[in-house]
Amino acid sequence: MKKKLLGIVFGASLVLAACGGGGEESTETSSGGVDPEKIVNNKCTSCHGGNLEGGMGPALDKIGAELNKDQILEVIQNGKGQMPAGLIEGEEAEAVAEWLANKK
């Protein structure tokens, strides 16, 4: 009986651990606006590097010197090369495009 109960408790704790704690981090600032730097850290740095210096994807640390906000937004929305489309959408995509356009 103890083994069966222990197995049930262990199984239930595994299920609860798998379901909890993995939610999306909020990308909103305390004032209700979108925090583009946080979005970039969550969605972009795995390919573009921690300081946006490049990695698997191209460097973005000075991308604003090459592309304007609308061009950057186009890439975010539609993808380009190995970058898939739609990783960031809507208001978040607009904020990230503007933030990156200021990187010169």
PDB file of N, CA and C in Angstrom:
ATOM      1  N   MET A   1       0.826  -1.195   0.000  1.00  0.00           N
ATOM      2  CA  MET A   1       0.000   0.000   0.000  1.00  0.00           C
ATOM      3  C   MET A   1       0.870   1.258   0.000  1.00  0.00           C
ATOM      4  N   LYS A   2       1.968   1.248   0.807  1.00  0.00           N
ATOM      5  CA  LYS A   2       2.837   2.416   0.874  1.00  0.00           C
ATOM      6  C   LYS A   2       3.500   2.686  -0.475  1.00  0.00           C
ATOM      7  N   LYS A   3       3.920   1.625  -1.172  1.00  0.00           N
ATOM      8  CA  LYS A   3       4.563   1.800  -2.472  1.00  0.00           C
ATOM      9  C   LYS A   3       3.595   2.413  -3.479  1.00  0.00           C
ATOM     10  N   LYS A   4       2.353   1.962  -3.447  1.00  0.00           N
ATOM     11  CA  LYS A   4       1.353   2.478  -4.372  1.00  0.00           C
ATOM     12  C   LYS A   4       1.090   3.957  -4.097  1.00  0.00           C
ATOM     13  N   LEU A   5       0.953   4.327  -2.830  1.00  0.00           N
ATOM     14  CA  LEU A   5       0.714   5.716  -2.452  1.00  0.00           C
ATOM     15  C   LEU A   5       1.916   6.579  -2.818  1.00  0.00           C
ATOM     16  N   LEU A   6       3.113   6.065  -2.550  1.00  0.00           N
ATOM     17  CA  LEU A   6       4.328   6.795  -2.895  1.00  0.00           C
ATOM     18  C   LEU A   6       4.412   7.014  -4.408  1.00  0.00           C
ATOM     19  N   GLY A   7       4.052   6.014  -5.178  1.00  0.00           N
ATOM     20  CA  GLY A   7       4.056   6.129  -6.637  1.00  0.00           C
ATOM     21  C   GLY A   7       3.065   7.169  -7.132  1.00  0.00           C
ATOM     22  N   ILE A   8       1.889   7.208  -6.520  1.00  0.00           N
ATOM     23  CA  ILE A   8       0.871   8.191  -6.903  1.00  0.00           C
ATOM     24  C   ILE A   8       1.342   9.602  -6.574  1.00  0.00           C
ATOM     25  N   VAL A   9       1.895   9.788  -5.378  1.00  0.00           N
ATOM     26  CA  VAL A   9       2.383  11.109  -4.970  1.00  0.00           C
ATOM     27  C   VAL A   9       3.525  11.553  -5.888  1.00  0.00           C
ATOM     28  N   PHE A  10       4.443  10.657  -6.186  1.00  0.00           N
ATOM     29  CA  PHE A  10       5.564  10.980  -7.061  1.00  0.00           C
ATOM     30  C   PHE A  10       5.070  11.347  -8.459  1.00  0.00           C
ATOM     31  N   GLY A  11       4.161  10.560  -8.996  1.00  0.00           N
ATOM     32  CA  GLY A  11       3.609  10.831 -10.326  1.00  0.00           C
ATOM     33  C   GLY A  11       2.873  12.159 -10.378  1.00  0.00           C
ATOM     34  N   ALA A  12       2.095  12.440  -9.342  1.00  0.00           N
ATOM     35  CA  ALA A  12       1.361  13.707  -9.295  1.00  0.00           C
ATOM     36  C   ALA A  12       2.317  14.890  -9.222  1.00  0.00           C
ATOM     37  N   SER A  13       3.388  14.750  -8.458  1.00  0.00           N
ATOM     38  CA  SER A  13       4.341  15.858  -8.350  1.00  0.00           C
ATOM     39  C   SER A  13       5.068  16.085  -9.678  1.00  0.00           C
ATOM     40  N   LEU A  14       5.342  15.023 -10.434  1.00  0.00           N
ATOM     41  CA  LEU A  14       5.952  15.184 -11.753  1.00  0.00           C
ATOM     42  C   LEU A  14       5.021  15.921 -12.708  1.00  0.00           C
ATOM     43  N   VAL A  15       3.745  15.564 -12.669  1.00  0.00           N
ATOM     44  CA  VAL A  15       2.768  16.230 -13.532  1.00  0.00           C
ATOM     45  C   VAL A  15       2.666  17.705 -13.175  1.00  0.00           C
ATOM     46  N   LEU A  16       2.598  18.009 -11.897  1.00  0.00           N
ATOM     47  CA  LEU A  16       2.511  19.406 -11.466  1.00  0.00           C
ATOM     48  C   LEU A  16       3.769  20.181 -11.831  1.00  0.00           C
ATOM     49  N   ALA A  17       4.918  19.565 -11.685  1.00  0.00           N
ATOM     50  CA  ALA A  17       6.171  20.237 -12.028  1.00  0.00           C
ATOM     51  C   ALA A  17       6.239  20.522 -13.526  1.00  0.00           C
ATOM     52  N   ALA A  18       5.749  19.606 -14.337  1.00  0.00           N
ATOM     53  CA  ALA A  18       5.773  19.796 -15.782  1.00  0.00           C
ATOM     54  C   ALA A  18       4.810  20.885 -16.230  1.00  0.00           C
ATOM     55  N   CYS A  19       3.733  21.083 -15.505  1.00  0.00           N
ATOM     56  CA  CYS A  19       2.721  22.068 -15.893  1.00  0.00           C
ATOM     57  C   CYS A  19       3.005  23.463 -15.372  1.00  0.00           C
ATOM     58  N   GLY A  20       3.758  23.602 -14.341  1.00  0.00           N
ATOM     59  CA  GLY A  20       3.927  24.912 -13.719  1.00  0.00           C
ATOM     60  C   GLY A  20       5.261  25.539 -14.010  1.00  0.00           C
ATOM     61  N   GLY A  21       5.294  26.858 -13.870  1.00  0.00           N
ATOM     62  CA  GLY A  21       6.542  27.592 -13.908  1.00  0.00           C
ATOM     63  C   GLY A  21       7.118  27.881 -15.269  1.00  0.00           C
ATOM     64  N   GLY A  22       6.566  27.374 -16.330  1.00  0.00           N
ATOM     65  CA  GLY A  22       7.146  27.587 -17.638  1.00  0.00           C
ATOM     66  C   GLY A  22       6.424  28.617 -18.471  1.00  0.00           C
ATOM     67  N   GLY A  23       5.612  29.448 -17.858  1.00  0.00           N
ATOM     68  CA  GLY A  23       4.834  30.426 -18.603  1.00  0.00           C
ATOM     69  C   GLY A  23       5.694  31.505 -19.223  1.00  0.00           C
ATOM     70  N   GLU A  24       5.134  32.185 -20.187  1.00  0.00           N
ATOM     71  CA  GLU A  24       5.825  33.291 -20.835  1.00  0.00           C
ATOM     72  C   GLU A  24       6.060  34.410 -19.842  1.00  0.00           C
ATOM     73  N   GLU A  25       7.242  34.983 -19.903  1.00  0.00           N
ATOM     74  CA  GLU A  25       7.523  36.147 -19.076  1.00  0.00           C
ATOM     75  C   GLU A  25       6.776  37.322 -19.661  1.00  0.00           C
ATOM     76  N   SER A  26       6.283  38.188 -18.809  1.00  0.00           N
ATOM     77  CA  SER A  26       5.616  39.381 -19.286  1.00  0.00           C
ATOM     78  C   SER A  26       6.633  40.282 -19.963  1.00  0.00           C
ATOM     79  N   THR A  27       6.245  40.841 -21.099  1.00  0.00           N
ATOM     80  CA  THR A  27       7.132  41.748 -21.810  1.00  0.00           C
ATOM     81  C   THR A  27       6.652  43.185 -21.682  1.00  0.00           C
ATOM     82  N   GLU A  28       5.749  43.417 -20.747  1.00  0.00           N
ATOM     83  CA  GLU A  28       5.256  44.766 -20.531  1.00  0.00           C
ATOM     84  C   GLU A  28       6.028  45.428 -19.410  1.00  0.00           C
ATOM     85  N   THR A  29       6.227  46.728 -19.552  1.00  0.00           N
ATOM     86  CA  THR A  29       6.860  47.490 -18.490  1.00  0.00           C
ATOM     87  C   THR A  29       5.818  47.788 -17.433  1.00  0.00           C
ATOM     88  N   SER A  30       6.253  48.272 -16.290  1.00  0.00           N
ATOM     89  CA  SER A  30       5.318  48.561 -15.209  1.00  0.00           C
ATOM     90  C   SER A  30       4.338  49.662 -15.588  1.00  0.00           C
ATOM     91  N   SER A  31       4.681  50.497 -16.559  1.00  0.00           N
ATOM     92  CA  SER A  31       3.774  51.558 -16.988  1.00  0.00           C
ATOM     93  C   SER A  31       2.785  51.064 -18.037  1.00  0.00           C
ATOM     94  N   GLY A  32       2.838  49.775 -18.396  1.00  0.00           N
ATOM     95  CA  GLY A  32       1.889  49.208 -19.342  1.00  0.00           C
ATOM     96  C   GLY A  32       2.409  49.155 -20.767  1.00  0.00           C
ATOM     97  N   GLY A  33       3.558  49.774 -21.050  1.00  0.00           N
ATOM     98  CA  GLY A  33       4.130  49.724 -22.389  1.00  0.00           C
ATOM     99  C   GLY A  33       4.914  48.445 -22.596  1.00  0.00           C
ATOM    100  N   VAL A  34       5.283  48.191 -23.820  1.00  0.00           N
ATOM    101  CA  VAL A  34       6.059  47.002 -24.168  1.00  0.00           C
ATOM    102  C   VAL A  34       7.541  47.293 -23.951  1.00  0.00           C
ATOM    103  N   ASP A  35       8.272  46.333 -23.401  1.00  0.00           N
ATOM    104  CA  ASP A  35       9.709  46.470 -23.159  1.00  0.00           C
ATOM    105  C   ASP A  35      10.471  45.734 -24.268  1.00  0.00           C
ATOM    106  N   PRO A  36      10.901  46.450 -25.313  1.00  0.00           N
ATOM    107  CA  PRO A  36      11.539  45.774 -26.447  1.00  0.00           C
ATOM    108  C   PRO A  36      12.842  45.070 -26.088  1.00  0.00           C
ATOM    109  N   GLU A  37      13.594  45.618 -25.155  1.00  0.00           N
ATOM    110  CA  GLU A  37      14.857  44.975 -24.773  1.00  0.00           C
ATOM    111  C   GLU A  37      14.598  43.604 -24.149  1.00  0.00           C
ATOM    112  N   LYS A  38      13.563  43.508 -23.351  1.00  0.00           N
ATOM    113  CA  LYS A  38      13.207  42.229 -22.726  1.00  0.00           C
ATOM    114  C   LYS A  38      12.740  41.224 -23.787  1.00  0.00           C
ATOM    115  N   ILE A  39      11.981  41.712 -24.755  1.00  0.00           N
ATOM    116  CA  ILE A  39      11.521  40.838 -25.841  1.00  0.00           C
ATOM    117  C   ILE A  39      12.720  40.311 -26.623  1.00  0.00           C
ATOM    118  N   VAL A  40      13.649  41.195 -26.953  1.00  0.00           N
ATOM    119  CA  VAL A  40      14.855  40.791 -27.688  1.00  0.00           C
ATOM    120  C   VAL A  40      15.638  39.759 -26.883  1.00  0.00           C
ATOM    121  N   ASN A  41      15.787  40.000 -25.582  1.00  0.00           N
ATOM    122  CA  ASN A  41      16.512  39.041 -24.739  1.00  0.00           C
ATOM    123  C   ASN A  41      15.827  37.684 -24.714  1.00  0.00           C
ATOM    124  N   ASN A  42      14.498  37.662 -24.743  1.00  0.00           N
ATOM    125  CA  ASN A  42      13.751  36.402 -24.687  1.00  0.00           C
ATOM    126  C   ASN A  42      13.673  35.691 -26.032  1.00  0.00           C
ATOM    127  N   LYS A  43      13.631  36.438 -27.120  1.00  0.00           N
ATOM    128  CA  LYS A  43      13.321  35.839 -28.417  1.00  0.00           C
ATOM    129  C   LYS A  43      14.456  35.860 -29.440  1.00  0.00           C
ATOM    130  N   CYS A  44      15.442  36.740 -29.278  1.00  0.00           N
ATOM    131  CA  CYS A  44      16.403  36.973 -30.361  1.00  0.00           C
ATOM    132  C   CYS A  44      17.843  36.566 -30.049  1.00  0.00           C
ATOM    133  N   THR A  45      18.221  36.643 -28.782  1.00  0.00           N
ATOM    134  CA  THR A  45      19.638  36.469 -28.444  1.00  0.00           C
ATOM    135  C   THR A  45      20.155  35.051 -28.671  1.00  0.00           C
ATOM    136  N   SER A  46      19.282  34.066 -28.701  1.00  0.00           N
ATOM    137  CA  SER A  46      19.772  32.704 -28.936  1.00  0.00           C
ATOM    138  C   SER A  46      20.389  32.568 -30.331  1.00  0.00           C
ATOM    139  N   CYS A  47      19.938  33.363 -31.281  1.00  0.00           N
ATOM    140  CA  CYS A  47      20.521  33.333 -32.628  1.00  0.00           C
ATOM    141  C   CYS A  47      21.429  34.524 -32.918  1.00  0.00           C
ATOM    142  N   HIS A  48      21.094  35.682 -32.367  1.00  0.00           N
ATOM    143  CA  HIS A  48      21.831  36.904 -32.696  1.00  0.00           C
ATOM    144  C   HIS A  48      22.871  37.279 -31.648  1.00  0.00           C
ATOM    145  N   GLY A  49      23.043  36.458 -30.621  1.00  0.00           N
ATOM    146  CA  GLY A  49      24.061  36.697 -29.597  1.00  0.00           C
ATOM    147  C   GLY A  49      23.552  37.548 -28.449  1.00  0.00           C
ATOM    148  N   GLY A  50      24.147  37.347 -27.290  1.00  0.00           N
ATOM    149  CA  GLY A  50      23.730  38.036 -26.074  1.00  0.00           C
ATOM    150  C   GLY A  50      23.824  39.542 -26.152  1.00  0.00           C
ATOM    151  N   ASN A  51      24.804  40.050 -26.878  1.00  0.00           N
ATOM    152  CA  ASN A  51      24.955  41.496 -27.070  1.00  0.00           C
ATOM    153  C   ASN A  51      24.567  41.896 -28.487  1.00  0.00           C
ATOM    154  N   LEU A  52      23.850  41.008 -29.159  1.00  0.00           N
ATOM    155  CA  LEU A  52      23.425  41.196 -30.546  1.00  0.00           C
ATOM    156  C   LEU A  52      24.608  41.315 -31.501  1.00  0.00           C
ATOM    157  N   GLU A  53      25.750  40.748 -31.099  1.00  0.00           N
ATOM    158  CA  GLU A  53      26.965  40.813 -31.907  1.00  0.00           C
ATOM    159  C   GLU A  53      26.978  39.775 -33.021  1.00  0.00           C
ATOM    160  N   GLY A  54      25.972  38.955 -33.080  1.00  0.00           N
ATOM    161  CA  GLY A  54      25.887  37.918 -34.106  1.00  0.00           C
ATOM    162  C   GLY A  54      26.195  36.556 -33.530  1.00  0.00           C
ATOM    163  N   GLY A  55      25.810  35.567 -34.211  1.00  0.00           N
ATOM    164  CA  GLY A  55      25.992  34.175 -33.807  1.00  0.00           C
ATOM    165  C   GLY A  55      25.542  33.352 -34.992  1.00  0.00           C
ATOM    166  N   MET A  56      24.520  32.544 -34.779  1.00  0.00           N
ATOM    167  CA  MET A  56      23.932  31.799 -35.884  1.00  0.00           C
ATOM    168  C   MET A  56      23.257  32.782 -36.851  1.00  0.00           C
ATOM    169  N   GLY A  57      22.692  33.859 -36.286  1.00  0.00           N
ATOM    170  CA  GLY A  57      22.092  34.916 -37.099  1.00  0.00           C
ATOM    171  C   GLY A  57      23.039  36.105 -37.193  1.00  0.00           C
ATOM    172  N   PRO A  58      22.734  37.051 -38.064  1.00  0.00           N
ATOM    173  CA  PRO A  58      23.625  38.203 -38.233  1.00  0.00           C
ATOM    174  C   PRO A  58      23.637  39.130 -37.019  1.00  0.00           C
ATOM    175  N   ALA A  59      24.669  39.944 -36.933  1.00  0.00           N
ATOM    176  CA  ALA A  59      24.782  40.938 -35.859  1.00  0.00           C
ATOM    177  C   ALA A  59      23.675  41.975 -36.014  1.00  0.00           C
ATOM    178  N   LEU A  60      23.101  42.372 -34.884  1.00  0.00           N
ATOM    179  CA  LEU A  60      22.062  43.400 -34.881  1.00  0.00           C
ATOM    180  C   LEU A  60      22.471  44.616 -34.065  1.00  0.00           C
ATOM    181  N   ASP A  61      23.690  44.603 -33.528  1.00  0.00           N
ATOM    182  CA  ASP A  61      24.100  45.672 -32.615  1.00  0.00           C
ATOM    183  C   ASP A  61      24.186  47.041 -33.289  1.00  0.00           C
ATOM    184  N   LYS A  62      24.306  47.074 -34.621  1.00  0.00           N
ATOM    185  CA  LYS A  62      24.331  48.349 -35.353  1.00  0.00           C
ATOM    186  C   LYS A  62      23.398  48.285 -36.562  1.00  0.00           C
ATOM    187  N   ILE A  63      22.352  47.482 -36.455  1.00  0.00           N
ATOM    188  CA  ILE A  63      21.447  47.261 -37.586  1.00  0.00           C
ATOM    189  C   ILE A  63      20.733  48.533 -38.022  1.00  0.00           C
ATOM    190  N   GLY A  64      20.525  49.473 -37.103  1.00  0.00           N
ATOM    191  CA  GLY A  64      19.860  50.725 -37.443  1.00  0.00           C
ATOM    192  C   GLY A  64      20.641  51.576 -38.425  1.00  0.00           C
ATOM    193  N   ALA A  65      21.933  51.333 -38.557  1.00  0.00           N
ATOM    194  CA  ALA A  65      22.747  52.050 -39.540  1.00  0.00           C
ATOM    195  C   ALA A  65      22.510  51.509 -40.951  1.00  0.00           C
ATOM    196  N   GLU A  66      21.936  50.302 -41.045  1.00  0.00           N
ATOM    197  CA  GLU A  66      21.702  49.671 -42.342  1.00  0.00           C
ATOM    198  C   GLU A  66      20.236  49.660 -42.745  1.00  0.00           C
ATOM    199  N   LEU A  67      19.352  49.440 -41.766  1.00  0.00           N
ATOM    200  CA  LEU A  67      17.923  49.312 -42.047  1.00  0.00           C
ATOM    201  C   LEU A  67      17.120  50.275 -41.180  1.00  0.00           C
ATOM    202  N   ASN A  68      16.017  50.794 -41.738  1.00  0.00           N
ATOM    203  CA  ASN A  68      15.134  51.639 -40.935  1.00  0.00           C
ATOM    204  C   ASN A  68      14.086  50.775 -40.231  1.00  0.00           C
ATOM    205  N   LYS A  69      13.240  51.399 -39.437  1.00  0.00           N
ATOM    206  CA  LYS A  69      12.244  50.667 -38.649  1.00  0.00           C
ATOM    207  C   LYS A  69      11.343  49.808 -39.533  1.00  0.00           C
ATOM    208  N   ASP A  70      10.863  50.360 -40.639  1.00  0.00           N
ATOM    209  CA  ASP A  70       9.951  49.615 -41.507  1.00  0.00           C
ATOM    210  C   ASP A  70      10.625  48.403 -42.144  1.00  0.00           C
ATOM    211  N   GLN A  71      11.880  48.543 -42.517  1.00  0.00           N
ATOM    212  CA  GLN A  71      12.618  47.418 -43.096  1.00  0.00           C
ATOM    213  C   GLN A  71      12.848  46.323 -42.055  1.00  0.00           C
ATOM    214  N   ILE A  72      13.166  46.726 -40.835  1.00  0.00           N
ATOM    215  CA  ILE A  72      13.366  45.756 -39.751  1.00  0.00           C
ATOM    216  C   ILE A  72      12.050  45.054 -39.440  1.00  0.00           C
ATOM    217  N   LEU A  73      10.964  45.817 -39.393  1.00  0.00           N
ATOM    218  CA  LEU A  73       9.645  45.238 -39.131  1.00  0.00           C
ATOM    219  C   LEU A  73       9.275  44.230 -40.216  1.00  0.00           C
ATOM    220  N   GLU A  74       9.601  44.532 -41.450  1.00  0.00           N
ATOM    221  CA  GLU A  74       9.346  43.615 -42.569  1.00  0.00           C
ATOM    222  C   GLU A  74      10.038  42.265 -42.337  1.00  0.00           C
ATOM    223  N   VAL A  75      11.285  42.298 -41.898  1.00  0.00           N
ATOM    224  CA  VAL A  75      12.028  41.059 -41.631  1.00  0.00           C
ATOM    225  C   VAL A  75      11.409  40.315 -40.452  1.00  0.00           C
ATOM    226  N   ILE A  76      11.039  41.043 -39.395  1.00  0.00           N
ATOM    227  CA  ILE A  76      10.426  40.407 -38.223  1.00  0.00           C
ATOM    228  C   ILE A  76       9.127  39.716 -38.625  1.00  0.00           C
ATOM    229  N   GLN A  77       8.304  40.385 -39.418  1.00  0.00           N
ATOM    230  CA  GLN A  77       6.990  39.846 -39.778  1.00  0.00           C
ATOM    231  C   GLN A  77       7.060  38.730 -40.813  1.00  0.00           C
ATOM    232  N   ASN A  78       7.963  38.849 -41.785  1.00  0.00           N
ATOM    233  CA  ASN A  78       7.979  37.912 -42.909  1.00  0.00           C
ATOM    234  C   ASN A  78       9.171  36.965 -42.935  1.00  0.00           C
ATOM    235  N   GLY A  79      10.126  37.184 -42.036  1.00  0.00           N
ATOM    236  CA  GLY A  79      11.313  36.351 -42.016  1.00  0.00           C
ATOM    237  C   GLY A  79      12.248  36.697 -43.163  1.00  0.00           C
ATOM    238  N   LYS A  80      13.455  36.154 -43.087  1.00  0.00           N
ATOM    239  CA  LYS A  80      14.440  36.369 -44.150  1.00  0.00           C
ATOM    240  C   LYS A  80      15.552  35.351 -43.954  1.00  0.00           C
ATOM    241  N   GLY A  81      15.945  34.691 -45.023  1.00  0.00           N
ATOM    242  CA  GLY A  81      16.979  33.670 -44.911  1.00  0.00           C
ATOM    243  C   GLY A  81      16.530  32.569 -43.957  1.00  0.00           C
ATOM    244  N   GLN A  82      17.333  32.313 -42.932  1.00  0.00           N
ATOM    245  CA  GLN A  82      16.999  31.268 -41.966  1.00  0.00           C
ATOM    246  C   GLN A  82      16.064  31.752 -40.862  1.00  0.00           C
ATOM    247  N   MET A  83      15.838  33.063 -40.775  1.00  0.00           N
ATOM    248  CA  MET A  83      14.969  33.579 -39.721  1.00  0.00           C
ATOM    249  C   MET A  83      13.509  33.337 -40.092  1.00  0.00           C
ATOM    250  N   PRO A  84      12.777  32.639 -39.224  1.00  0.00           N
ATOM    251  CA  PRO A  84      11.364  32.388 -39.515  1.00  0.00           C
ATOM    252  C   PRO A  84      10.515  33.636 -39.274  1.00  0.00           C
ATOM    253  N   ALA A  85       9.401  33.686 -39.942  1.00  0.00           N
ATOM    254  CA  ALA A  85       8.455  34.788 -39.775  1.00  0.00           C
ATOM    255  C   ALA A  85       7.674  34.637 -38.476  1.00  0.00           C
ATOM    256  N   GLY A  86       7.233  35.774 -37.939  1.00  0.00           N
ATOM    257  CA  GLY A  86       6.263  35.768 -36.858  1.00  0.00           C
ATOM    258  C   GLY A  86       6.756  35.369 -35.484  1.00  0.00           C
ATOM    259  N   LEU A  87       8.055  35.421 -35.226  1.00  0.00           N
ATOM    260  CA  LEU A  87       8.527  35.113 -33.871  1.00  0.00           C
ATOM    261  C   LEU A  87       8.022  36.152 -32.877  1.00  0.00           C
ATOM    262  N   ILE A  88       7.862  37.378 -33.360  1.00  0.00           N
ATOM    263  CA  ILE A  88       7.330  38.478 -32.564  1.00  0.00           C
ATOM    264  C   ILE A  88       6.228  39.100 -33.409  1.00  0.00           C
ATOM    265  N   GLU A  89       5.105  39.439 -32.789  1.00  0.00           N
ATOM    266  CA  GLU A  89       3.977  39.955 -33.557  1.00  0.00           C
ATOM    267  C   GLU A  89       3.405  41.220 -32.943  1.00  0.00           C
ATOM    268  N   GLY A  90       2.624  41.926 -33.737  1.00  0.00           N
ATOM    269  CA  GLY A  90       1.838  43.055 -33.263  1.00  0.00           C
ATOM    270  C   GLY A  90       2.649  44.182 -32.651  1.00  0.00           C
ATOM    271  N   GLU A  91       2.148  44.663 -31.528  1.00  0.00           N
ATOM    272  CA  GLU A  91       2.759  45.786 -30.816  1.00  0.00           C
ATOM    273  C   GLU A  91       4.196  45.473 -30.410  1.00  0.00           C
ATOM    274  N   GLU A  92       4.451  44.227 -30.039  1.00  0.00           N
ATOM    275  CA  GLU A  92       5.807  43.835 -29.655  1.00  0.00           C
ATOM    276  C   GLU A  92       6.758  43.940 -30.846  1.00  0.00           C
ATOM    277  N   ALA A  93       6.319  43.506 -32.028  1.00  0.00           N
ATOM    278  CA  ALA A  93       7.154  43.593 -33.227  1.00  0.00           C
ATOM    279  C   ALA A  93       7.461  45.050 -33.564  1.00  0.00           C
ATOM    280  N   GLU A  94       6.462  45.908 -33.455  1.00  0.00           N
ATOM    281  CA  GLU A  94       6.651  47.345 -33.713  1.00  0.00           C
ATOM    282  C   GLU A  94       7.689  47.927 -32.757  1.00  0.00           C
ATOM    283  N   ALA A  95       7.563  47.595 -31.476  1.00  0.00           N
ATOM    284  CA  ALA A  95       8.477  48.133 -30.461  1.00  0.00           C
ATOM    285  C   ALA A  95       9.901  47.639 -30.685  1.00  0.00           C
ATOM    286  N   VAL A  96      10.056  46.365 -31.014  1.00  0.00           N
ATOM    287  CA  VAL A  96      11.390  45.806 -31.256  1.00  0.00           C
ATOM    288  C   VAL A  96      12.005  46.434 -32.506  1.00  0.00           C
ATOM    289  N   ALA A  97      11.218  46.606 -33.563  1.00  0.00           N
ATOM    290  CA  ALA A  97      11.732  47.219 -34.788  1.00  0.00           C
ATOM    291  C   ALA A  97      12.219  48.639 -34.517  1.00  0.00           C
ATOM    292  N   GLU A  98      11.459  49.389 -33.755  1.00  0.00           N
ATOM    293  CA  GLU A  98      11.868  50.757 -33.426  1.00  0.00           C
ATOM    294  C   GLU A  98      13.134  50.757 -32.577  1.00  0.00           C
ATOM    295  N   TRP A  99      13.193  49.858 -31.591  1.00  0.00           N
ATOM    296  CA  TRP A  99      14.356  49.764 -30.700  1.00  0.00           C
ATOM    297  C   TRP A  99      15.611  49.405 -31.493  1.00  0.00           C
ATOM    298  N   LEU A 100      15.484  48.428 -32.393  1.00  0.00           N
ATOM    299  CA  LEU A 100      16.634  48.017 -33.200  1.00  0.00           C
ATOM    300  C   LEU A 100      17.045  49.106 -34.192  1.00  0.00           C
ATOM    301  N   ALA A 101      16.078  49.846 -34.726  1.00  0.00           N
ATOM    302  CA  ALA A 101      16.389  50.917 -35.675  1.00  0.00           C
ATOM    303  C   ALA A 101      17.235  52.007 -35.023  1.00  0.00           C
ATOM    304  N   ASN A 102      17.154  52.132 -33.712  1.00  0.00           N
ATOM    305  CA  ASN A 102      17.956  53.122 -32.988  1.00  0.00           C
ATOM    306  C   ASN A 102      19.356  52.622 -32.652  1.00  0.00           C
ATOM    307  N   LYS A 103      19.659  51.385 -32.977  1.00  0.00           N
ATOM    308  CA  LYS A 103      20.992  50.818 -32.737  1.00  0.00           C
ATOM    309  C   LYS A 103      21.878  51.159 -33.928  1.00  0.00           C
ATOM    310  N   LYS A 104      22.745  52.159 -33.752  1.00  0.00           N
ATOM    311  CA  LYS A 104      23.586  52.624 -34.872  1.00  0.00           C
ATOM    312  C   LYS A 104      25.034  52.675 -34.476  1.00  0.00           C
TER     313      LYS A 104
END
